[in-house]
Amino acid sequence: MTMPDVEASLTTRAATAFSDYRDGDLQALHTLITVVTPVLWHVARSCGLSHQSAEDTVQTTWLRLVEHAASIEAPQAVLGWLCTTTKREAWRVQRITRKTDPVEDVEPGLGSQTPHDPAQVAAMKDEAKRLWRHFVTLSPKCQQILRVVCMGGAPDYAGLAEAMGVPIGSIGPTRGRCLTALRRALLDDPNWSLT
């Protein structure tokens, strides 16, 4: 007897929802949006877009999917298609605005997960600012890999490699080097605390 895969890869969940959507299940589109939007949001932000521009870019990506759903031959390709479309739309937005805003926050809605004690809130915000100050010094590839891996649940190296256009065997080692670089930067920061 085999156990069902409790946490299917992001690529598999996206493919299943997309396939169901194309078969007429409109609720499956909602599932697809729920599963993939955090990844797309981070892809857009990793391209240097402001919070508002990233949200607009992700919305445009979903609109493009609805417009072009029939042209995507393999449901397994939908995650890569969405990431690529998000990147292209982000680049288009950047060309139009000719400016980039610094990364100020991690994720929409995180404020609702913070404690109510003002001292704890202040400490968490200070720690987050330090972390992101070091994060943005990483290479764009490191930022993209870490954003996608941290938001996508169990890493789906095949989908990530396809979306980024890199060999699958390079994702794990690159992620390790990126985490090491971030860890080293944090440990070298006299104001960073691990407690």
Protein backbone atom coordinates (compact mmCIF):
# COMPACT_ATOMS: atom_id res chain seq x y z
CA MET A 1 0.00 0.00 0.00
CA THR A 2 1.43 3.37 -0.98
CA MET A 3 0.86 6.53 0.96
CA PRO A 4 -0.53 9.46 -1.03
CA ASP A 5 1.87 12.33 -1.60
CA VAL A 6 0.60 14.73 1.07
CA GLU A 7 2.55 17.70 -0.20
CA ALA A 8 2.74 17.46 -3.97
CA SER A 9 5.26 19.70 -5.66
CA LEU A 10 4.24 23.19 -6.65
CA THR A 11 4.53 22.24 -10.31
CA THR A 12 2.22 19.25 -9.82
CA ARG A 13 -0.37 21.22 -7.84
CA ALA A 14 -0.31 24.01 -10.43
CA ALA A 15 -0.61 21.53 -13.32
CA THR A 16 -3.53 19.72 -11.70
CA ALA A 17 -5.42 22.94 -10.97
CA PHE A 18 -4.73 24.29 -14.47
CA SER A 19 -5.87 21.06 -16.11
CA ASP A 20 -9.07 21.08 -14.04
CA TYR A 21 -9.65 24.74 -14.96
CA ARG A 22 -9.29 24.00 -18.67
CA ASP A 23 -11.75 21.13 -18.21
CA GLY A 24 -14.34 23.66 -17.01
CA ASP A 25 -13.83 23.76 -13.22
CA LEU A 26 -13.75 27.49 -12.48
CA GLN A 27 -12.97 26.82 -8.79
CA ALA A 28 -9.71 25.24 -9.96
CA LEU A 29 -8.58 28.65 -11.26
CA HIS A 30 -9.05 30.02 -7.74
CA THR A 31 -6.96 27.12 -6.42
CA LEU A 32 -4.25 27.81 -9.01
CA ILE A 33 -4.19 31.50 -8.09
CA THR A 34 -3.97 30.70 -4.38
CA VAL A 35 -1.13 28.22 -4.86
CA VAL A 36 1.01 30.19 -7.32
CA THR A 37 0.42 33.89 -6.53
CA PRO A 38 2.99 34.07 -3.68
CA VAL A 39 5.67 32.74 -6.04
CA LEU A 40 4.69 35.17 -8.82
CA TRP A 41 4.64 38.04 -6.36
CA HIS A 42 8.19 37.24 -5.32
CA VAL A 43 9.30 36.86 -8.94
CA ALA A 44 7.92 40.33 -9.68
CA ARG A 45 9.54 41.84 -6.58
CA SER A 46 12.86 40.19 -7.42
CA CYS A 47 12.77 42.14 -10.69
CA GLY A 48 12.88 45.34 -8.63
CA LEU A 49 9.23 46.36 -8.79
CA SER A 50 7.53 48.29 -6.03
CA HIS A 51 4.83 46.60 -4.00
CA GLN A 52 2.04 48.17 -6.09
CA SER A 53 3.74 47.48 -9.43
CA ALA A 54 4.35 43.86 -8.40
CA GLU A 55 0.67 43.41 -7.54
CA ASP A 56 -0.34 44.92 -10.89
CA THR A 57 2.16 42.68 -12.69
CA VAL A 58 0.81 39.55 -11.02
CA GLN A 59 -2.76 40.55 -11.90
CA THR A 60 -1.71 41.07 -15.51
CA THR A 61 -0.06 37.64 -15.50
CA TRP A 62 -3.32 36.00 -14.43
CA LEU A 63 -5.19 37.90 -17.12
CA ARG A 64 -2.67 36.65 -19.72
CA LEU A 65 -3.20 33.09 -18.50
CA VAL A 66 -6.96 33.33 -18.97
CA GLU A 67 -6.40 34.81 -22.45
CA HIS A 68 -3.86 32.16 -23.50
CA ALA A 69 -4.92 29.07 -21.53
CA ALA A 70 -5.72 27.12 -24.68
CA SER A 71 -2.24 27.72 -26.12
CA ILE A 72 -0.43 26.04 -23.21
CA GLU A 73 -0.14 22.47 -24.46
CA ALA A 74 1.16 20.71 -21.35
CA PRO A 75 -0.36 21.50 -17.94
CA GLN A 76 3.04 20.71 -16.35
CA ALA A 77 4.40 23.79 -18.15
CA VAL A 78 1.97 26.24 -16.56
CA LEU A 79 4.20 27.18 -13.61
CA GLY A 80 7.12 27.97 -15.89
CA TRP A 81 4.81 29.85 -18.24
CA LEU A 82 3.44 31.94 -15.36
CA CYS A 83 6.92 32.74 -13.98
CA THR A 84 8.22 33.70 -17.42
CA THR A 85 5.15 35.84 -18.13
CA THR A 86 5.58 37.57 -14.76
CA LYS A 87 9.24 38.33 -15.48
CA ARG A 88 8.45 39.70 -18.94
CA GLU A 89 5.63 41.86 -17.60
CA ALA A 90 7.89 43.12 -14.78
CA TRP A 91 10.55 44.07 -17.31
CA ARG A 92 7.91 45.84 -19.41
CA VAL A 93 6.73 47.80 -16.37
CA GLN A 94 10.32 48.72 -15.52
CA ARG A 95 10.94 50.01 -19.04
CA ILE A 96 7.82 52.17 -18.78
CA THR A 97 8.52 53.60 -15.34
CA ARG A 98 12.36 53.67 -15.64
CA LYS A 99 12.68 53.41 -11.89
CA THR A 100 12.90 50.77 -9.21
CA ASP A 101 11.78 51.05 -5.63
CA PRO A 102 13.71 49.39 -2.79
CA VAL A 103 12.28 46.27 -1.21
CA GLU A 104 10.41 47.48 1.84
CA ASP A 105 8.28 44.56 2.89
CA VAL A 106 8.38 40.83 2.57
CA GLU A 107 4.87 39.73 1.79
CA PRO A 108 1.46 41.37 1.59
CA GLY A 109 -0.56 40.70 4.72
CA LEU A 110 2.32 39.85 7.03
CA GLY A 111 1.22 42.60 9.40
CA SER A 112 -1.70 40.45 10.53
CA GLN A 113 0.73 37.77 11.76
CA THR A 114 2.74 40.05 14.06
CA PRO A 115 2.30 40.09 17.84
CA HIS A 116 0.31 42.84 19.52
CA ASP A 117 3.06 43.92 21.92
CA PRO A 118 4.51 47.14 20.46
CA ALA A 119 8.02 46.27 21.67
CA GLN A 120 7.89 42.89 19.91
CA VAL A 121 6.49 44.47 16.76
CA ALA A 122 9.27 47.07 16.74
CA ALA A 123 11.94 44.40 17.30
CA MET A 124 10.55 42.22 14.50
CA LYS A 125 10.39 45.14 12.08
CA ASP A 126 13.96 46.13 12.92
CA GLU A 127 15.16 42.55 12.42
CA ALA A 128 13.26 42.28 9.12
CA LYS A 129 14.80 45.52 7.85
CA ARG A 130 18.29 44.24 8.66
CA LEU A 131 17.60 40.91 6.99
CA TRP A 132 16.26 42.53 3.82
CA ARG A 133 19.10 45.06 3.75
CA HIS A 134 21.48 42.09 3.47
CA PHE A 135 19.15 40.14 1.18
CA VAL A 136 19.12 42.86 -1.51
CA THR A 137 22.93 42.78 -1.65
CA LEU A 138 22.78 39.20 -2.98
CA SER A 139 22.95 38.65 -6.73
CA PRO A 140 19.63 38.85 -8.60
CA LYS A 141 19.82 35.07 -9.24
CA CYS A 142 20.25 34.40 -5.50
CA GLN A 143 17.36 36.69 -4.66
CA GLN A 144 15.12 34.97 -7.18
CA ILE A 145 16.02 31.44 -6.07
CA LEU A 146 15.60 32.23 -2.37
CA ARG A 147 12.30 34.05 -2.90
CA VAL A 148 10.79 31.23 -4.94
CA VAL A 149 12.12 28.41 -2.76
CA CYS A 150 10.97 30.03 0.48
CA MET A 151 7.45 30.67 -0.83
CA GLY A 152 6.81 27.48 -2.77
CA GLY A 153 6.69 24.89 0.01
CA ALA A 154 8.76 21.81 -0.75
CA PRO A 155 11.34 22.81 -3.39
CA ASP A 156 10.39 21.72 -6.89
CA TYR A 157 13.77 21.87 -8.57
CA ALA A 158 12.49 20.79 -11.98
CA GLY A 159 9.87 23.55 -12.11
CA LEU A 160 12.23 26.15 -10.71
CA ALA A 161 14.98 25.18 -13.16
CA GLU A 162 12.54 25.41 -16.05
CA ALA A 163 11.17 28.77 -14.90
CA MET A 164 14.67 30.22 -14.44
CA GLY A 165 16.17 28.63 -17.53
CA VAL A 166 19.02 26.92 -15.65
CA PRO A 167 20.08 23.27 -15.32
CA ILE A 168 18.19 21.37 -12.62
CA GLY A 169 21.45 20.25 -11.02
CA SER A 170 22.50 23.83 -10.38
CA ILE A 171 19.49 24.85 -8.25
CA GLY A 172 20.48 23.06 -5.01
CA PRO A 173 24.16 24.10 -5.03
CA THR A 174 23.24 27.67 -6.00
CA ARG A 175 20.64 27.83 -3.24
CA GLY A 176 23.26 26.58 -0.76
CA ARG A 177 25.79 29.20 -1.87
CA CYS A 178 23.14 31.93 -1.65
CA LEU A 179 22.11 30.91 1.87
CA THR A 180 25.77 30.76 2.91
CA ALA A 181 26.37 34.26 1.54
CA LEU A 182 23.31 35.60 3.36
CA ARG A 183 24.29 33.83 6.60
CA ARG A 184 27.85 35.22 6.36
CA ALA A 185 26.53 38.76 5.81
CA LEU A 186 24.22 38.47 8.80
CA LEU A 187 26.91 37.06 11.07
CA ASP A 188 29.26 39.88 10.04
CA ASP A 189 26.61 42.44 10.98
CA PRO A 190 27.28 43.55 14.59
CA ASN A 191 23.62 44.54 14.96
CA TRP A 192 22.25 41.14 13.95
CA SER A 193 21.16 38.86 16.76
CA LEU A 194 20.37 35.14 16.51
CA THR A 195 18.41 35.17 19.76
